[in-house]
Amino acid sequence: MSELAPLTESEVQQLASVWYAMLDTHVAVEQYTPLLAPNVEFHFPEGVVRGLDGYRDWYLGVTRKFFDEVHTLKLVRPTLKGDSADVDVIVNWQASVWTPPAAKSERIIADARQRWVVVRSPQTQKPVISVYIVDGLDYQPGSATL
């Protein structure tokens, strides 16, 4: 039996809100460490990223590619399981991207369907993302695509 306090829906909601606010402002990658389990695993459309070092490398790449990002949460639905939760997430993602030598940037507008596993950190007692899976992107009409 776990000695960690059960997660609450409000903690999971807050984690998601903070996560996307940080993505919108392209904070320093080190600021993500308290939100991620050390063995975190991400499943992005471009591949699987593991651990904090893997996330760092991925993040440095995408923050050089996408700009003017806006993430708007549409759904955060946790299924609480004590000190962990399976979470369905839908976030509207908008970002500009410029691909040289194009004369102009393009705008991506899509709903990203995701599944997360959130756990309570034994070290900090805070919720952290353990698994982050992007199941798909539903592009809006006229949107650029990846």
Protein backbone atom coordinates (compact mmCIF):
# COMPACT_ATOMS: atom_id res chain seq x y z
CA MET A 1 0.00 0.00 0.00
CA SER A 2 1.29 3.41 -0.97
CA GLU A 3 2.07 5.98 1.70
CA LEU A 4 1.61 8.87 -0.74
CA ALA A 5 -1.55 10.96 -0.54
CA PRO A 6 -4.12 10.34 -3.25
CA LEU A 7 -4.10 12.76 -6.16
CA THR A 8 -7.02 15.13 -6.51
CA GLU A 9 -8.75 16.32 -9.64
CA SER A 10 -7.81 19.92 -8.86
CA GLU A 11 -4.10 18.99 -8.59
CA VAL A 12 -4.20 17.32 -12.00
CA GLN A 13 -6.07 20.30 -13.50
CA GLN A 14 -3.48 22.68 -12.03
CA LEU A 15 -0.59 20.61 -13.40
CA ALA A 16 -2.08 20.75 -16.90
CA SER A 17 -2.69 24.51 -16.65
CA VAL A 18 0.86 25.21 -15.49
CA TRP A 19 2.30 22.87 -18.14
CA TYR A 20 0.64 24.67 -21.04
CA ALA A 21 1.30 28.16 -19.66
CA MET A 22 4.98 27.24 -19.58
CA LEU A 23 4.87 25.90 -23.15
CA ASP A 24 3.26 29.14 -24.35
CA THR A 25 6.05 31.24 -22.89
CA HIS A 26 8.95 28.92 -23.80
CA VAL A 27 10.37 28.94 -20.28
CA ALA A 28 13.86 27.58 -19.64
CA VAL A 29 13.84 23.80 -19.95
CA GLU A 30 15.07 23.41 -16.36
CA GLN A 31 11.74 24.82 -15.12
CA TYR A 32 10.01 21.65 -16.36
CA THR A 33 11.98 19.30 -14.08
CA PRO A 34 9.56 19.70 -11.10
CA LEU A 35 6.64 18.73 -13.37
CA LEU A 36 8.18 15.53 -14.72
CA ALA A 37 8.96 12.12 -13.28
CA PRO A 38 12.68 11.29 -13.71
CA ASN A 39 11.80 8.37 -16.02
CA VAL A 40 9.14 10.32 -17.96
CA GLU A 41 8.17 8.97 -21.36
CA PHE A 42 6.71 11.08 -24.19
CA HIS A 43 5.08 9.70 -27.33
CA PHE A 44 5.04 12.52 -29.89
CA PRO A 45 4.05 12.25 -33.56
CA GLU A 46 7.75 12.42 -34.42
CA GLY A 47 8.81 9.66 -32.04
CA VAL A 48 9.30 8.53 -28.44
CA VAL A 49 11.34 10.62 -26.02
CA ARG A 50 12.50 9.17 -22.69
CA GLY A 51 13.80 10.78 -19.52
CA LEU A 52 14.60 14.35 -18.61
CA ASP A 53 17.55 14.52 -21.02
CA GLY A 54 15.38 13.27 -23.87
CA TYR A 55 12.75 15.88 -23.06
CA ARG A 56 15.42 18.59 -22.93
CA ASP A 57 16.68 17.71 -26.42
CA TRP A 58 13.14 17.57 -27.85
CA TYR A 59 12.12 20.84 -26.20
CA LEU A 60 15.17 22.74 -27.42
CA GLY A 61 14.34 21.60 -30.96
CA VAL A 62 10.66 22.55 -30.95
CA THR A 63 11.19 25.92 -29.28
CA ARG A 64 13.47 26.81 -32.17
CA LYS A 65 10.85 25.69 -34.69
CA PHE A 66 7.50 26.94 -33.32
CA PHE A 67 6.68 30.45 -32.14
CA ASP A 68 3.64 32.54 -31.14
CA GLU A 69 2.26 29.44 -29.45
CA VAL A 70 -1.09 29.38 -27.70
CA HIS A 71 -2.38 26.28 -25.87
CA THR A 72 -6.02 26.35 -24.75
CA LEU A 73 -7.19 23.46 -22.60
CA LYS A 74 -10.50 22.02 -23.77
CA LEU A 75 -10.57 18.88 -21.61
CA VAL A 76 -8.66 17.54 -18.62
CA ARG A 77 -10.44 14.40 -17.40
CA PRO A 78 -8.54 12.42 -14.77
CA THR A 79 -9.43 8.93 -13.67
CA LEU A 80 -8.01 8.96 -10.17
CA LYS A 81 -6.26 5.81 -8.89
CA GLY A 82 -4.87 6.77 -5.50
CA ASP A 83 -1.47 8.37 -5.97
CA SER A 84 -1.73 8.14 -9.78
CA ALA A 85 -4.22 9.13 -12.45
CA ASP A 86 -4.93 8.33 -16.09
CA VAL A 87 -5.80 11.63 -17.74
CA ASP A 88 -7.53 12.38 -21.02
CA VAL A 89 -6.44 15.76 -22.36
CA ILE A 90 -7.57 17.77 -25.35
CA VAL A 91 -5.71 21.00 -25.98
CA ASN A 92 -6.17 23.42 -28.84
CA TRP A 93 -2.67 24.19 -30.10
CA GLN A 94 -1.88 27.16 -32.26
CA ALA A 95 1.64 27.90 -33.41
CA SER A 96 3.47 29.62 -36.19
CA VAL A 97 6.26 27.88 -38.05
CA TRP A 98 8.67 29.16 -40.65
CA THR A 99 10.37 26.79 -43.02
CA PRO A 100 13.27 28.41 -44.88
CA PRO A 101 13.29 29.73 -47.56
CA ALA A 102 9.52 30.38 -47.46
CA ALA A 103 8.55 34.04 -47.73
CA LYS A 104 6.10 33.77 -44.84
CA SER A 105 5.41 31.68 -41.79
CA GLU A 106 2.43 29.34 -41.59
CA ARG A 107 -0.08 28.87 -38.77
CA ILE A 108 -0.92 25.49 -37.27
CA ILE A 109 -4.30 25.25 -35.54
CA ALA A 110 -5.21 21.83 -34.20
CA ASP A 111 -6.79 20.00 -31.31
CA ALA A 112 -4.23 17.62 -29.82
CA ARG A 113 -5.75 14.48 -28.29
CA GLN A 114 -3.54 13.21 -25.49
CA ARG A 115 -3.35 10.68 -22.68
CA TRP A 116 -1.21 11.30 -19.61
CA VAL A 117 -0.28 9.25 -16.59
CA VAL A 118 0.22 11.53 -13.60
CA VAL A 119 1.77 10.28 -10.36
CA ARG A 120 2.57 11.83 -7.03
CA SER A 121 6.31 12.36 -6.68
CA PRO A 122 7.76 10.59 -3.65
CA GLN A 123 10.42 13.33 -3.45
CA THR A 124 8.24 16.47 -3.66
CA GLN A 125 4.76 15.08 -2.89
CA LYS A 126 3.57 17.03 -5.98
CA PRO A 127 1.87 15.58 -9.07
CA VAL A 128 4.23 14.94 -11.98
CA ILE A 129 3.80 13.66 -15.53
CA SER A 130 5.05 10.09 -15.91
CA VAL A 131 3.70 9.25 -19.39
CA TYR A 132 2.54 11.72 -22.06
CA ILE A 133 1.03 10.32 -25.26
CA VAL A 134 -0.16 12.39 -28.21
CA ASP A 135 -2.84 10.23 -29.84
CA GLY A 136 -3.45 12.57 -32.74
CA LEU A 137 -3.91 16.06 -34.11
CA ASP A 138 -7.23 17.21 -35.51
CA TYR A 139 -6.34 20.13 -37.80
CA GLN A 140 -8.74 23.03 -38.31
CA PRO A 141 -9.68 24.02 -41.87
CA GLY A 142 -6.93 26.11 -43.42
CA SER A 143 -4.32 25.01 -40.89
CA ALA A 144 -0.78 24.17 -41.86
CA THR A 145 0.24 20.63 -40.93
CA LEU A 146 3.34 19.03 -39.49
